[in-house]
Amino acid sequence: MGELSKLPNIGSTVEEQLNQAGIFTPEDLKSAGAENAWLKIQQIDSSACIHRLLALEGAIRGVKKTMLPEERKAELKEFYNKHKL
Protein backbone atom coordinates (compact mmCIF):
# COMPACT_ATOMS: atom_id res chain seq x y z
CA MET A 1 0.00 0.00 0.00
CA GLY A 2 1.11 3.50 -0.77
CA GLU A 3 0.47 6.99 0.52
CA LEU A 4 -3.15 7.23 -0.60
CA SER A 5 -4.38 4.33 1.52
CA LYS A 6 -3.26 6.25 4.59
CA LEU A 7 -6.01 8.79 3.89
CA PRO A 8 -9.50 8.37 5.35
CA ASN A 9 -11.91 6.36 3.14
CA ILE A 10 -9.18 5.06 0.80
CA GLY A 11 -8.61 1.31 0.76
CA SER A 12 -6.30 -0.71 -1.42
CA THR A 13 -8.83 -1.08 -4.28
CA VAL A 14 -9.52 2.65 -4.58
CA GLU A 15 -5.82 3.39 -4.22
CA GLU A 16 -5.09 1.01 -7.09
CA GLN A 17 -7.74 2.69 -9.24
CA LEU A 18 -6.34 6.12 -8.43
CA ASN A 19 -2.86 4.89 -9.38
CA GLN A 20 -4.23 3.58 -12.69
CA ALA A 21 -5.70 7.06 -13.21
CA GLY A 22 -2.28 8.67 -12.66
CA ILE A 23 -2.93 9.80 -9.08
CA PHE A 24 -0.24 8.58 -6.69
CA THR A 25 -0.01 11.04 -3.80
CA PRO A 26 -2.39 12.99 -1.57
CA GLU A 27 -1.16 16.11 -3.37
CA ASP A 28 -2.09 14.57 -6.73
CA LEU A 29 -5.56 13.80 -5.40
CA LYS A 30 -6.04 17.27 -3.98
CA SER A 31 -4.84 18.81 -7.23
CA ALA A 32 -7.22 16.67 -9.30
CA GLY A 33 -10.17 17.23 -7.00
CA ALA A 34 -12.78 14.65 -6.08
CA GLU A 35 -14.87 15.10 -9.21
CA ASN A 36 -12.02 14.75 -11.69
CA ALA A 37 -10.49 11.84 -9.79
CA TRP A 38 -13.88 10.11 -9.75
CA LEU A 39 -14.35 10.65 -13.50
CA LYS A 40 -10.95 9.03 -14.09
CA ILE A 41 -11.91 6.08 -11.89
CA GLN A 42 -15.23 5.78 -13.71
CA GLN A 43 -13.31 5.26 -16.97
CA ILE A 44 -11.61 2.27 -15.33
CA ASP A 45 -14.59 1.01 -13.31
CA SER A 46 -18.04 1.84 -14.66
CA SER A 47 -19.57 0.77 -11.35
CA ALA A 48 -17.98 3.73 -9.53
CA CYS A 49 -20.75 4.98 -7.25
CA ILE A 50 -21.66 8.06 -5.25
CA HIS A 51 -20.00 6.55 -2.17
CA ARG A 52 -16.66 6.48 -3.98
CA LEU A 53 -17.07 10.13 -4.94
CA LEU A 54 -17.90 11.07 -1.34
CA ALA A 55 -14.96 8.99 -0.14
CA LEU A 56 -12.59 10.88 -2.42
CA GLU A 57 -13.84 14.24 -1.15
CA GLY A 58 -13.47 13.04 2.42
CA ALA A 59 -9.94 11.86 1.72
CA ILE A 60 -9.04 15.27 0.32
CA ARG A 61 -10.46 16.95 3.42
CA GLY A 62 -8.97 14.38 5.80
CA VAL A 63 -12.34 13.27 7.20
CA LYS A 64 -14.66 10.28 6.95
CA LYS A 65 -17.18 10.69 4.15
CA THR A 66 -20.02 10.80 6.68
CA MET A 67 -18.50 13.98 8.15
CA LEU A 68 -18.71 16.00 4.93
CA PRO A 69 -20.89 19.12 5.12
CA GLU A 70 -24.42 18.50 3.84
CA GLU A 71 -24.06 21.28 1.26
CA ARG A 72 -20.97 19.62 -0.24
CA LYS A 73 -22.69 16.22 -0.22
CA ALA A 74 -25.57 17.75 -2.18
CA GLU A 75 -23.15 19.27 -4.73
CA LEU A 76 -21.42 15.94 -5.19
CA LYS A 77 -24.73 14.10 -5.53
CA GLU A 78 -25.80 16.52 -8.26
CA PHE A 79 -22.46 16.02 -10.03
CA TYR A 80 -22.80 12.25 -9.72
CA ASN A 81 -26.31 12.25 -11.16
CA LYS A 82 -25.12 14.24 -14.19
CA HIS A 83 -22.13 11.97 -14.88
CA LYS A 84 -23.10 8.45 -13.86
CA LEU A 85 -23.12 5.87 -16.63
PDB file of N, CA and C in Angstrom:
ATOM      1  N   MET A   1       0.830  -1.188   0.000  1.00  0.00           N
ATOM      2  CA  MET A   1       0.000   0.000   0.000  1.00  0.00           C
ATOM      3  C   MET A   1       0.871   1.247   0.000  1.00  0.00           C
ATOM      4  N   GLY A   2       0.353   2.269  -0.659  1.00  0.00           N
ATOM      5  CA  GLY A   2       1.106   3.504  -0.773  1.00  0.00           C
ATOM      6  C   GLY A   2       0.558   4.604   0.115  1.00  0.00           C
ATOM      7  N   GLU A   3       0.860   5.819  -0.264  1.00  0.00           N
ATOM      8  CA  GLU A   3       0.467   6.991   0.524  1.00  0.00           C
ATOM      9  C   GLU A   3      -1.041   7.188   0.579  1.00  0.00           C
ATOM     10  N   LEU A   4      -1.730   6.923  -0.528  1.00  0.00           N
ATOM     11  CA  LEU A   4      -3.154   7.227  -0.603  1.00  0.00           C
ATOM     12  C   LEU A   4      -3.983   6.410   0.374  1.00  0.00           C
ATOM     13  N   SER A   5      -3.596   5.174   0.616  1.00  0.00           N
ATOM     14  CA  SER A   5      -4.383   4.329   1.517  1.00  0.00           C
ATOM     15  C   SER A   5      -4.258   4.764   2.976  1.00  0.00           C
ATOM     16  N   LYS A   6      -3.371   5.702   3.246  1.00  0.00           N
ATOM     17  CA  LYS A   6      -3.262   6.252   4.592  1.00  0.00           C
ATOM     18  C   LYS A   6      -4.322   7.325   4.841  1.00  0.00           C
ATOM     19  N   LEU A   7      -4.959   7.771   3.765  1.00  0.00           N
ATOM     20  CA  LEU A   7      -6.010   8.788   3.886  1.00  0.00           C
ATOM     21  C   LEU A   7      -7.320   8.142   4.329  1.00  0.00           C
ATOM     22  N   PRO A   8      -8.193   8.913   4.985  1.00  0.00           N
ATOM     23  CA  PRO A   8      -9.505   8.368   5.349  1.00  0.00           C
ATOM     24  C   PRO A   8     -10.264   7.927   4.089  1.00  0.00           C
ATOM     25  N   ASN A   9     -11.008   6.861   4.197  1.00  0.00           N
ATOM     26  CA  ASN A   9     -11.905   6.363   3.144  1.00  0.00           C
ATOM     27  C   ASN A   9     -11.211   5.659   1.980  1.00  0.00           C
ATOM     28  N   ILE A  10      -9.891   5.620   1.948  1.00  0.00           N
ATOM     29  CA  ILE A  10      -9.180   5.057   0.799  1.00  0.00           C
ATOM     30  C   ILE A  10      -8.597   3.703   1.182  1.00  0.00           C
ATOM     31  N   GLY A  11      -9.135   2.655   0.574  1.00  0.00           N
ATOM     32  CA  GLY A  11      -8.607   1.314   0.761  1.00  0.00           C
ATOM     33  C   GLY A  11      -7.715   0.941  -0.403  1.00  0.00           C
ATOM     34  N   SER A  12      -7.256  -0.277  -0.395  1.00  0.00           N
ATOM     35  CA  SER A  12      -6.305  -0.705  -1.420  1.00  0.00           C
ATOM     36  C   SER A  12      -6.922  -0.702  -2.825  1.00  0.00           C
ATOM     37  N   THR A  13      -8.193  -1.046  -2.956  1.00  0.00           N
ATOM     38  CA  THR A  13      -8.829  -1.081  -4.282  1.00  0.00           C
ATOM     39  C   THR A  13      -8.925   0.314  -4.876  1.00  0.00           C
ATOM     40  N   VAL A  14      -9.396   1.270  -4.082  1.00  0.00           N
ATOM     41  CA  VAL A  14      -9.517   2.648  -4.581  1.00  0.00           C
ATOM     42  C   VAL A  14      -8.136   3.232  -4.844  1.00  0.00           C
ATOM     43  N   GLU A  15      -7.190   2.917  -3.990  1.00  0.00           N
ATOM     44  CA  GLU A  15      -5.820   3.391  -4.225  1.00  0.00           C
ATOM     45  C   GLU A  15      -5.292   2.861  -5.558  1.00  0.00           C
ATOM     46  N   GLU A  16      -5.536   1.602  -5.822  1.00  0.00           N
ATOM     47  CA  GLU A  16      -5.094   1.010  -7.087  1.00  0.00           C
ATOM     48  C   GLU A  16      -5.759   1.710  -8.274  1.00  0.00           C
ATOM     49  N   GLN A  17      -7.034   1.988  -8.155  1.00  0.00           N
ATOM     50  CA  GLN A  17      -7.737   2.688  -9.240  1.00  0.00           C
ATOM     51  C   GLN A  17      -7.186   4.098  -9.423  1.00  0.00           C
ATOM     52  N   LEU A  18      -6.929   4.779  -8.322  1.00  0.00           N
ATOM     53  CA  LEU A  18      -6.341   6.117  -8.427  1.00  0.00           C
ATOM     54  C   LEU A  18      -4.975   6.046  -9.100  1.00  0.00           C
ATOM     55  N   ASN A  19      -4.171   5.057  -8.737  1.00  0.00           N
ATOM     56  CA  ASN A  19      -2.862   4.888  -9.377  1.00  0.00           C
ATOM     57  C   ASN A  19      -3.009   4.658 -10.871  1.00  0.00           C
ATOM     58  N   GLN A  20      -3.979   3.831 -11.264  1.00  0.00           N
ATOM     59  CA  GLN A  20      -4.227   3.581 -12.693  1.00  0.00           C
ATOM     60  C   GLN A  20      -4.642   4.869 -13.407  1.00  0.00           C
ATOM     61  N   ALA A  21      -5.259   5.777 -12.650  1.00  0.00           N
ATOM     62  CA  ALA A  21      -5.702   7.058 -13.209  1.00  0.00           C
ATOM     63  C   ALA A  21      -4.599   8.118 -13.166  1.00  0.00           C
ATOM     64  N   GLY A  22      -3.401   7.734 -12.698  1.00  0.00           N
ATOM     65  CA  GLY A  22      -2.280   8.672 -12.661  1.00  0.00           C
ATOM     66  C   GLY A  22      -2.205   9.500 -11.395  1.00  0.00           C
ATOM     67  N   ILE A  23      -2.925   9.085 -10.362  1.00  0.00           N
ATOM     68  CA  ILE A  23      -2.931   9.800  -9.084  1.00  0.00           C
ATOM     69  C   ILE A  23      -2.218   8.912  -8.066  1.00  0.00           C
ATOM     70  N   PHE A  24      -1.094   9.406  -7.555  1.00  0.00           N
ATOM     71  CA  PHE A  24      -0.236   8.584  -6.693  1.00  0.00           C
ATOM     72  C   PHE A  24      -0.033   9.131  -5.291  1.00  0.00           C
ATOM     73  N   THR A  25      -0.264  10.416  -5.097  1.00  0.00           N
ATOM     74  CA  THR A  25      -0.008  11.036  -3.795  1.00  0.00           C
ATOM     75  C   THR A  25      -1.233  11.825  -3.337  1.00  0.00           C
ATOM     76  N   PRO A  26      -1.301  12.125  -2.034  1.00  0.00           N
ATOM     77  CA  PRO A  26      -2.387  12.986  -1.565  1.00  0.00           C
ATOM     78  C   PRO A  26      -2.418  14.337  -2.291  1.00  0.00           C
ATOM     79  N   GLU A  27      -1.239  14.835  -2.636  1.00  0.00           N
ATOM     80  CA  GLU A  27      -1.164  16.106  -3.366  1.00  0.00           C
ATOM     81  C   GLU A  27      -1.765  15.967  -4.755  1.00  0.00           C
ATOM     82  N   ASP A  28      -1.491  14.837  -5.414  1.00  0.00           N
ATOM     83  CA  ASP A  28      -2.091  14.574  -6.729  1.00  0.00           C
ATOM     84  C   ASP A  28      -3.612  14.568  -6.626  1.00  0.00           C
ATOM     85  N   LEU A  29      -4.117  13.911  -5.589  1.00  0.00           N
ATOM     86  CA  LEU A  29      -5.563  13.802  -5.401  1.00  0.00           C
ATOM     87  C   LEU A  29      -6.175  15.168  -5.148  1.00  0.00           C
ATOM     88  N   LYS A  30      -5.536  15.931  -4.281  1.00  0.00           N
ATOM     89  CA  LYS A  30      -6.041  17.272  -3.977  1.00  0.00           C
ATOM     90  C   LYS A  30      -6.018  18.143  -5.229  1.00  0.00           C
ATOM     91  N   SER A  31      -4.975  18.030  -6.001  1.00  0.00           N
ATOM     92  CA  SER A  31      -4.844  18.809  -7.228  1.00  0.00           C
ATOM     93  C   SER A  31      -5.920  18.427  -8.245  1.00  0.00           C
ATOM     94  N   ALA A  32      -6.204  17.135  -8.354  1.00  0.00           N
ATOM     95  CA  ALA A  32      -7.218  16.667  -9.303  1.00  0.00           C
ATOM     96  C   ALA A  32      -8.612  17.050  -8.837  1.00  0.00           C
ATOM     97  N   GLY A  33      -8.838  16.998  -7.538  1.00  0.00           N
ATOM     98  CA  GLY A  33     -10.169  17.234  -7.004  1.00  0.00           C
ATOM     99  C   GLY A  33     -10.997  15.954  -7.050  1.00  0.00           C
ATOM    100  N   ALA A  34     -11.974  15.867  -6.188  1.00  0.00           N
ATOM    101  CA  ALA A  34     -12.784  14.653  -6.076  1.00  0.00           C
ATOM    102  C   ALA A  34     -13.510  14.332  -7.379  1.00  0.00           C
ATOM    103  N   GLU A  35     -14.096  15.348  -8.002  1.00  0.00           N
ATOM    104  CA  GLU A  35     -14.875  15.103  -9.211  1.00  0.00           C
ATOM    105  C   GLU A  35     -14.011  14.572 -10.348  1.00  0.00           C
ATOM    106  N   ASN A  36     -12.888  15.203 -10.592  1.00  0.00           N
ATOM    107  CA  ASN A  36     -12.022  14.749 -11.689  1.00  0.00           C
ATOM    108  C   ASN A  36     -11.422  13.380 -11.400  1.00  0.00           C
ATOM    109  N   ALA A  37     -11.034  13.155 -10.154  1.00  0.00           N
ATOM    110  CA  ALA A  37     -10.494  11.844  -9.788  1.00  0.00           C
ATOM    111  C   ALA A  37     -11.557  10.770  -9.981  1.00  0.00           C
ATOM    112  N   TRP A  38     -12.791  11.071  -9.595  1.00  0.00           N
ATOM    113  CA  TRP A  38     -13.885  10.107  -9.750  1.00  0.00           C
ATOM    114  C   TRP A  38     -14.160   9.829 -11.230  1.00  0.00           C
ATOM    115  N   LEU A  39     -14.135  10.852 -12.060  1.00  0.00           N
ATOM    116  CA  LEU A  39     -14.346  10.645 -13.501  1.00  0.00           C
ATOM    117  C   LEU A  39     -13.273   9.728 -14.082  1.00  0.00           C
ATOM    118  N   LYS A  40     -12.033   9.896 -13.623  1.00  0.00           N
ATOM    119  CA  LYS A  40     -10.948   9.031 -14.095  1.00  0.00           C
ATOM    120  C   LYS A  40     -11.164   7.597 -13.631  1.00  0.00           C
ATOM    121  N   ILE A  41     -11.621   7.428 -12.395  1.00  0.00           N
ATOM    122  CA  ILE A  41     -11.913   6.080 -11.890  1.00  0.00           C
ATOM    123  C   ILE A  41     -13.077   5.477 -12.666  1.00  0.00           C
ATOM    124  N   GLN A  42     -14.064   6.276 -12.978  1.00  0.00           N
ATOM    125  CA  GLN A  42     -15.231   5.776 -13.706  1.00  0.00           C
ATOM    126  C   GLN A  42     -14.830   5.216 -15.073  1.00  0.00           C
ATOM    127  N   GLN A  43     -13.799   5.781 -15.691  1.00  0.00           N
ATOM    128  CA  GLN A  43     -13.312   5.264 -16.973  1.00  0.00           C
ATOM    129  C   GLN A  43     -12.723   3.868 -16.810  1.00  0.00           C
ATOM    130  N   ILE A  44     -12.204   3.573 -15.633  1.00  0.00           N
ATOM    131  CA  ILE A  44     -11.605   2.269 -15.327  1.00  0.00           C
ATOM    132  C   ILE A  44     -12.668   1.302 -14.809  1.00  0.00           C
ATOM    133  N   ASP A  45     -13.575   1.827 -13.979  1.00  0.00           N
ATOM    134  CA  ASP A  45     -14.590   1.011 -13.311  1.00  0.00           C
ATOM    135  C   ASP A  45     -15.949   1.691 -13.453  1.00  0.00           C
ATOM    136  N   SER A  46     -16.755   1.206 -14.388  1.00  0.00           N
ATOM    137  CA  SER A  46     -18.045   1.839 -14.664  1.00  0.00           C
ATOM    138  C   SER A  46     -19.027   1.714 -13.496  1.00  0.00           C
ATOM    139  N   SER A  47     -18.691   0.898 -12.508  1.00  0.00           N
ATOM    140  CA  SER A  47     -19.574   0.766 -11.352  1.00  0.00           C
ATOM    141  C   SER A  47     -19.251   1.787 -10.260  1.00  0.00           C
ATOM    142  N   ALA A  48     -18.336   2.715 -10.526  1.00  0.00           N
ATOM    143  CA  ALA A  48     -17.980   3.733  -9.530  1.00  0.00           C
ATOM    144  C   ALA A  48     -19.246   4.462  -9.081  1.00  0.00           C
ATOM    145  N   CYS A  49     -19.485   4.475  -7.771  1.00  0.00           N
ATOM    146  CA  CYS A  49     -20.746   4.981  -7.245  1.00  0.00           C
ATOM    147  C   CYS A  49     -20.556   6.293  -6.482  1.00  0.00           C
ATOM    148  N   ILE A  50     -21.670   6.813  -6.019  1.00  0.00           N
ATOM    149  CA  ILE A  50     -21.662   8.060  -5.246  1.00  0.00           C
ATOM    150  C   ILE A  50     -20.803   7.924  -3.993  1.00  0.00           C
ATOM    151  N   HIS A  51     -20.790   6.749  -3.397  1.00  0.00           N
ATOM    152  CA  HIS A  51     -19.995   6.552  -2.173  1.00  0.00           C
ATOM    153  C   HIS A  51     -18.506   6.716  -2.442  1.00  0.00           C
ATOM    154  N   ARG A  52     -18.062   6.314  -3.631  1.00  0.00           N
ATOM    155  CA  ARG A  52     -16.656   6.483  -3.979  1.00  0.00           C
ATOM    156  C   ARG A  52     -16.346   7.965  -4.155  1.00  0.00           C
ATOM    157  N   LEU A  53     -17.257   8.690  -4.761  1.00  0.00           N
ATOM    158  CA  LEU A  53     -17.073  10.134  -4.935  1.00  0.00           C
ATOM    159  C   LEU A  53     -17.007  10.829  -3.573  1.00  0.00           C
ATOM    160  N   LEU A  54     -17.914  10.486  -2.684  1.00  0.00           N
ATOM    161  CA  LEU A  54     -17.900  11.067  -1.341  1.00  0.00           C
ATOM    162  C   LEU A  54     -16.628  10.678  -0.594  1.00  0.00           C
ATOM    163  N   ALA A  55     -16.188   9.448  -0.783  1.00  0.00           N
ATOM    164  CA  ALA A  55     -14.960   8.988  -0.135  1.00  0.00           C
ATOM    165  C   ALA A  55     -13.758   9.798  -0.604  1.00  0.00           C
ATOM    166  N   LEU A  56     -13.705  10.088  -1.889  1.00  0.00           N
ATOM    167  CA  LEU A  56     -12.592  10.881  -2.420  1.00  0.00           C
ATOM    168  C   LEU A  56     -12.586  12.283  -1.830  1.00  0.00           C
ATOM    169  N   GLU A  57     -13.757  12.896  -1.737  1.00  0.00           N
ATOM    170  CA  GLU A  57     -13.843  14.238  -1.151  1.00  0.00           C
ATOM    171  C   GLU A  57     -13.423  14.200   0.316  1.00  0.00           C
ATOM    172  N   GLY A  58     -13.872  13.182   1.027  1.00  0.00           N
ATOM    173  CA  GLY A  58     -13.468  13.044   2.422  1.00  0.00           C
ATOM    174  C   GLY A  58     -11.969  12.863   2.565  1.00  0.00           C
ATOM    175  N   ALA A  59     -11.384  12.072   1.677  1.00  0.00           N
ATOM    176  CA  ALA A  59      -9.938  11.857   1.717  1.00  0.00           C
ATOM    177  C   ALA A  59      -9.191  13.173   1.507  1.00  0.00           C
ATOM    178  N   ILE A  60      -9.668  13.969   0.581  1.00  0.00           N
ATOM    179  CA  ILE A  60      -9.041  15.270   0.319  1.00  0.00           C
ATOM    180  C   ILE A  60      -9.116  16.156   1.557  1.00  0.00           C
ATOM    181  N   ARG A  61     -10.249  16.110   2.235  1.00  0.00           N
ATOM    182  CA  ARG A  61     -10.459  16.948   3.422  1.00  0.00           C
ATOM    183  C   ARG A  61      -9.898  16.327   4.704  1.00  0.00           C
ATOM    184  N   GLY A  62      -9.516  15.056   4.634  1.00  0.00           N
ATOM    185  CA  GLY A  62      -8.971  14.383   5.802  1.00  0.00           C
ATOM    186  C   GLY A  62     -10.020  13.945   6.806  1.00  0.00           C
ATOM    187  N   VAL A  63     -11.247  13.688   6.312  1.00  0.00           N
ATOM    188  CA  VAL A  63     -12.341  13.268   7.197  1.00  0.00           C
ATOM    189  C   VAL A  63     -13.066  12.068   6.609  1.00  0.00           C
ATOM    190  N   LYS A  64     -13.812  11.359   7.452  1.00  0.00           N
ATOM    191  CA  LYS A  64     -14.660  10.285   6.950  1.00  0.00           C
ATOM    192  C   LYS A  64     -15.756  10.891   6.092  1.00  0.00           C
ATOM    193  N   LYS A  65     -16.192  10.145   5.085  1.00  0.00           N
ATOM    194  CA  LYS A  65     -17.180  10.685   4.147  1.00  0.00           C
ATOM    195  C   LYS A  65     -18.472  11.091   4.844  1.00  0.00           C
ATOM    196  N   THR A  66     -18.794  10.455   5.954  1.00  0.00           N
ATOM    197  CA  THR A  66     -20.015  10.798   6.684  1.00  0.00           C
ATOM    198  C   THR A  66     -19.919  12.167   7.359  1.00  0.00           C
ATOM    199  N   MET A  67     -18.712  12.692   7.477  1.00  0.00           N
ATOM    200  CA  MET A  67     -18.501  13.976   8.146  1.00  0.00           C
ATOM    201  C   MET A  67     -18.483  15.163   7.180  1.00  0.00           C
ATOM    202  N   LEU A  68     -18.690  14.907   5.907  1.00  0.00           N
ATOM    203  CA  LEU A  68     -18.711  16.003   4.933  1.00  0.00           C
ATOM    204  C   LEU A  68     -19.910  16.916   5.201  1.00  0.00           C
ATOM    205  N   PRO A  69     -19.754  18.203   4.957  1.00  0.00           N
ATOM    206  CA  PRO A  69     -20.886  19.121   5.123  1.00  0.00           C
ATOM    207  C   PRO A  69     -22.033  18.733   4.173  1.00  0.00           C
ATOM    208  N   GLU A  70     -23.255  18.881   4.644  1.00  0.00           N
ATOM    209  CA  GLU A  70     -24.423  18.504   3.842  1.00  0.00           C
ATOM    210  C   GLU A  70     -24.464  19.237   2.508  1.00  0.00           C
ATOM    211  N   GLU A  71     -24.064  20.496   2.499  1.00  0.00           N
ATOM    212  CA  GLU A  71     -24.062  21.279   1.259  1.00  0.00           C
ATOM    213  C   GLU A  71     -23.118  20.654   0.224  1.00  0.00           C
ATOM    214  N   ARG A  72     -21.941  20.232   0.682  1.00  0.00           N
ATOM    215  CA  ARG A  72     -20.970  19.616  -0.236  1.00  0.00           C
ATOM    216  C   ARG A  72     -21.485  18.262  -0.718  1.00  0.00           C
ATOM    217  N   LYS A  73     -22.106  17.497   0.182  1.00  0.00           N
ATOM    218  CA  LYS A  73     -22.687  16.219  -0.224  1.00  0.00           C
ATOM    219  C   LYS A  73     -23.724  16.434  -1.328  1.00  0.00           C
ATOM    220  N   ALA A  74     -24.540  17.460  -1.178  1.00  0.00           N
ATOM    221  CA  ALA A  74     -25.572  17.753  -2.180  1.00  0.00           C
ATOM    222  C   ALA A  74     -24.933  18.117  -3.524  1.00  0.00           C
ATOM    223  N   GLU A  75     -23.863  18.916  -3.488  1.00  0.00           N
ATOM    224  CA  GLU A  75     -23.154  19.273  -4.726  1.00  0.00           C
ATOM    225  C   GLU A  75     -22.599  18.031  -5.409  1.00  0.00           C
ATOM    226  N   LEU A  76     -22.003  17.151  -4.626  1.00  0.00           N
ATOM    227  CA  LEU A  76     -21.416  15.941  -5.186  1.00  0.00           C
ATOM    228  C   LEU A  76     -22.489  15.007  -5.728  1.00  0.00           C
ATOM    229  N   LYS A  77     -23.630  14.940  -5.057  1.00  0.00           N
ATOM    230  CA  LYS A  77     -24.728  14.098  -5.531  1.00  0.00           C
ATOM    231  C   LYS A  77     -25.244  14.612  -6.872  1.00  0.00           C
ATOM    232  N   GLU A  78     -25.366  15.921  -6.994  1.00  0.00           N
ATOM    233  CA  GLU A  78     -25.799  16.518  -8.261  1.00  0.00           C
ATOM    234  C   GLU A  78     -24.792  16.200  -9.371  1.00  0.00           C
ATOM    235  N   PHE A  79     -23.511  16.344  -9.064  1.00  0.00           N
ATOM    236  CA  PHE A  79     -22.458  16.017 -10.032  1.00  0.00           C
ATOM    237  C   PHE A  79     -22.552  14.552 -10.437  1.00  0.00           C
ATOM    238  N   TYR A  80     -22.694  13.689  -9.456  1.00  0.00           N
ATOM    239  CA  TYR A  80     -22.797  12.251  -9.724  1.00  0.00           C
ATOM    240  C   TYR A  80     -23.976  11.945 -10.648  1.00  0.00           C
ATOM    241  N   ASN A  81     -25.121  12.520 -10.352  1.00  0.00           N
ATOM    242  CA  ASN A  81     -26.311  12.249 -11.160  1.00  0.00           C
ATOM    243  C   ASN A  81     -26.159  12.720 -12.609  1.00  0.00           C
ATOM    244  N   LYS A  82     -25.362  13.742 -12.830  1.00  0.00           N
ATOM    245  CA  LYS A  82     -25.123  14.244 -14.189  1.00  0.00           C
ATOM    246  C   LYS A  82     -24.116  13.370 -14.951  1.00  0.00           C
ATOM    247  N   HIS A  83     -23.244  12.664 -14.229  1.00  0.00           N
ATOM    248  CA  HIS A  83     -22.132  11.973 -14.875  1.00  0.00           C
ATOM    249  C   HIS A  83     -22.154  10.457 -14.755  1.00  0.00           C
ATOM    250  N   LYS A  84     -23.091   9.906 -14.011  1.00  0.00           N
ATOM    251  CA  LYS A  84     -23.100   8.448 -13.865  1.00  0.00           C
ATOM    252  C   LYS A  84     -23.445   7.788 -15.188  1.00  0.00           C
ATOM    253  N   LEU A  85     -22.905   6.607 -15.377  1.00  0.00           N
ATOM    254  CA  LEU A  85     -23.123   5.869 -16.625  1.00  0.00           C
ATOM    255  C   LEU A  85     -24.398   5.053 -16.561  1.00  0.00           C
TER     256      LEU A  85
END
